[in-house]
Amino acid sequence: MNKKWAIKRITLNLAAIEAEKLQLYCNQTGRPATDVIRELIRGLSICDEVAQSMPLRPPL
């Protein structure tokens, strides 16, 4: 894992079917679960005011 991304670590509890679905998707796409989850979070819609104050990526 790139240390620049390690700003906050979370633990995610998934139901068995959710974990299986994520694993199958990762296997099909060849992408790690971290990248898939990060992309899904980035795609979330949030209030414009909040969105403008939050960078999409951490500063380098």
N, C-alpha and C. Protein backbone atom coordinates (compact mmCIF):
# COMPACT_ATOMS: atom_id res chain seq x y z
N MET A 1 0.84 -1.18 0.00
CA MET A 1 0.00 0.00 0.00
C MET A 1 0.88 1.25 0.00
N ASN A 2 0.57 2.18 -0.84
CA ASN A 2 1.29 3.43 -0.92
C ASN A 2 1.07 4.23 0.37
N LYS A 3 2.15 4.61 1.03
CA LYS A 3 2.04 5.32 2.32
C LYS A 3 1.32 6.65 2.20
N LYS A 4 1.32 7.28 1.02
CA LYS A 4 0.63 8.54 0.83
C LYS A 4 -0.87 8.39 1.04
N TRP A 5 -1.41 7.20 0.82
CA TRP A 5 -2.85 6.97 0.96
C TRP A 5 -3.24 6.61 2.39
N ALA A 6 -2.29 6.21 3.20
CA ALA A 6 -2.61 5.70 4.53
C ALA A 6 -2.91 6.83 5.52
N ILE A 7 -3.93 7.61 5.23
CA ILE A 7 -4.33 8.70 6.11
C ILE A 7 -5.28 8.18 7.18
N LYS A 8 -6.20 7.31 6.79
CA LYS A 8 -7.16 6.76 7.74
C LYS A 8 -7.41 5.31 7.36
N ARG A 9 -7.32 4.45 8.33
CA ARG A 9 -7.58 3.02 8.11
C ARG A 9 -8.92 2.69 8.75
N ILE A 10 -9.75 1.95 8.03
CA ILE A 10 -11.05 1.55 8.57
C ILE A 10 -11.19 0.04 8.49
N THR A 11 -12.04 -0.49 9.33
CA THR A 11 -12.42 -1.89 9.27
C THR A 11 -13.84 -1.94 8.76
N LEU A 12 -14.08 -2.80 7.81
CA LEU A 12 -15.39 -2.89 7.18
C LEU A 12 -15.98 -4.26 7.46
N ASN A 13 -17.15 -4.29 8.10
CA ASN A 13 -17.84 -5.55 8.37
C ASN A 13 -18.85 -5.81 7.26
N LEU A 14 -18.72 -6.94 6.60
CA LEU A 14 -19.61 -7.30 5.50
C LEU A 14 -20.31 -8.61 5.81
N ALA A 15 -21.53 -8.72 5.32
CA ALA A 15 -22.22 -10.02 5.36
C ALA A 15 -21.47 -10.95 4.41
N ALA A 16 -21.61 -12.24 4.61
CA ALA A 16 -20.91 -13.23 3.80
C ALA A 16 -21.17 -13.03 2.31
N ILE A 17 -22.41 -12.76 1.94
CA ILE A 17 -22.75 -12.58 0.52
C ILE A 17 -22.10 -11.32 -0.04
N GLU A 18 -21.99 -10.27 0.79
CA GLU A 18 -21.33 -9.03 0.35
C GLU A 18 -19.83 -9.26 0.14
N ALA A 19 -19.21 -9.96 1.07
CA ALA A 19 -17.78 -10.25 0.95
C ALA A 19 -17.51 -11.12 -0.28
N GLU A 20 -18.38 -12.09 -0.52
CA GLU A 20 -18.23 -12.96 -1.69
C GLU A 20 -18.39 -12.17 -2.98
N LYS A 21 -19.36 -11.29 -3.00
CA LYS A 21 -19.60 -10.46 -4.19
C LYS A 21 -18.39 -9.56 -4.47
N LEU A 22 -17.85 -8.95 -3.43
CA LEU A 22 -16.67 -8.11 -3.58
C LEU A 22 -15.49 -8.93 -4.09
N GLN A 23 -15.29 -10.10 -3.52
CA GLN A 23 -14.17 -10.96 -3.92
C GLN A 23 -14.32 -11.40 -5.37
N LEU A 24 -15.52 -11.77 -5.78
CA LEU A 24 -15.76 -12.17 -7.16
C LEU A 24 -15.48 -11.02 -8.12
N TYR A 25 -15.93 -9.82 -7.76
CA TYR A 25 -15.68 -8.64 -8.59
C TYR A 25 -14.18 -8.38 -8.71
N CYS A 26 -13.49 -8.46 -7.59
CA CYS A 26 -12.03 -8.24 -7.60
C CYS A 26 -11.32 -9.29 -8.46
N ASN A 27 -11.75 -10.52 -8.36
CA ASN A 27 -11.16 -11.59 -9.18
C ASN A 27 -11.41 -11.34 -10.66
N GLN A 28 -12.61 -10.91 -11.00
CA GLN A 28 -12.96 -10.67 -12.41
C GLN A 28 -12.20 -9.48 -12.99
N THR A 29 -12.00 -8.45 -12.18
CA THR A 29 -11.37 -7.23 -12.68
C THR A 29 -9.86 -7.18 -12.44
N GLY A 30 -9.38 -8.04 -11.53
CA GLY A 30 -7.96 -8.03 -11.20
C GLY A 30 -7.56 -6.85 -10.32
N ARG A 31 -8.54 -6.21 -9.71
CA ARG A 31 -8.28 -5.06 -8.85
C ARG A 31 -8.39 -5.45 -7.38
N PRO A 32 -7.59 -4.82 -6.52
CA PRO A 32 -7.71 -5.10 -5.08
C PRO A 32 -8.97 -4.47 -4.51
N ALA A 33 -9.49 -5.08 -3.45
CA ALA A 33 -10.71 -4.60 -2.81
C ALA A 33 -10.57 -3.15 -2.36
N THR A 34 -9.40 -2.77 -1.89
CA THR A 34 -9.18 -1.39 -1.44
C THR A 34 -9.47 -0.40 -2.56
N ASP A 35 -8.98 -0.70 -3.76
CA ASP A 35 -9.21 0.20 -4.90
C ASP A 35 -10.68 0.27 -5.28
N VAL A 36 -11.35 -0.88 -5.25
CA VAL A 36 -12.77 -0.93 -5.60
C VAL A 36 -13.59 -0.11 -4.61
N ILE A 37 -13.33 -0.30 -3.32
CA ILE A 37 -14.07 0.43 -2.29
C ILE A 37 -13.77 1.92 -2.36
N ARG A 38 -12.50 2.28 -2.58
CA ARG A 38 -12.12 3.69 -2.69
C ARG A 38 -12.85 4.34 -3.86
N GLU A 39 -12.94 3.67 -5.00
CA GLU A 39 -13.65 4.20 -6.16
C GLU A 39 -15.14 4.40 -5.86
N LEU A 40 -15.73 3.44 -5.17
CA LEU A 40 -17.15 3.57 -4.81
C LEU A 40 -17.38 4.77 -3.89
N ILE A 41 -16.49 4.99 -2.95
CA ILE A 41 -16.62 6.12 -2.03
C ILE A 41 -16.50 7.43 -2.81
N ARG A 42 -15.55 7.50 -3.72
CA ARG A 42 -15.38 8.72 -4.52
C ARG A 42 -16.61 9.04 -5.35
N GLY A 43 -17.37 8.02 -5.72
CA GLY A 43 -18.55 8.21 -6.55
C GLY A 43 -19.79 8.61 -5.78
N LEU A 44 -19.71 8.68 -4.46
CA LEU A 44 -20.86 9.06 -3.65
C LEU A 44 -21.23 10.51 -3.88
N SER A 45 -22.51 10.79 -3.94
CA SER A 45 -23.00 12.17 -4.07
C SER A 45 -23.09 12.78 -2.68
N ILE A 46 -22.53 13.99 -2.55
CA ILE A 46 -22.62 14.71 -1.28
C ILE A 46 -22.98 16.16 -1.57
N CYS A 47 -23.40 16.86 -0.56
CA CYS A 47 -23.78 18.27 -0.67
C CYS A 47 -22.67 19.07 -1.34
N ASP A 48 -23.01 19.98 -2.25
CA ASP A 48 -22.02 20.78 -2.97
C ASP A 48 -21.10 21.56 -2.03
N GLU A 49 -21.66 22.12 -0.97
CA GLU A 49 -20.86 22.91 -0.03
C GLU A 49 -19.78 22.05 0.62
N VAL A 50 -20.13 20.86 1.00
CA VAL A 50 -19.17 19.95 1.62
C VAL A 50 -18.17 19.48 0.57
N ALA A 51 -18.64 19.16 -0.62
CA ALA A 51 -17.78 18.66 -1.68
C ALA A 51 -16.70 19.66 -2.05
N GLN A 52 -17.01 20.93 -2.06
CA GLN A 52 -16.05 21.95 -2.43
C GLN A 52 -14.95 22.10 -1.39
N SER A 53 -15.23 21.76 -0.16
CA SER A 53 -14.23 21.90 0.90
C SER A 53 -13.36 20.66 1.07
N MET A 54 -13.70 19.58 0.36
CA MET A 54 -12.95 18.33 0.49
C MET A 54 -12.19 18.03 -0.79
N PRO A 55 -10.87 17.83 -0.71
CA PRO A 55 -10.12 17.42 -1.89
C PRO A 55 -10.46 15.98 -2.24
N LEU A 56 -10.44 15.63 -3.53
CA LEU A 56 -10.70 14.26 -3.95
C LEU A 56 -9.55 13.35 -3.59
N ARG A 57 -8.36 13.89 -3.59
CA ARG A 57 -7.17 13.10 -3.25
C ARG A 57 -6.40 13.84 -2.17
N PRO A 58 -5.72 13.09 -1.34
CA PRO A 58 -4.90 13.76 -0.32
C PRO A 58 -3.75 14.53 -0.99
N PRO A 59 -3.30 15.62 -0.39
CA PRO A 59 -2.18 16.37 -0.97
C PRO A 59 -0.92 15.53 -0.98
N LEU A 60 -0.08 15.75 -1.97
CA LEU A 60 1.17 14.98 -2.09
C LEU A 60 2.24 15.47 -1.16
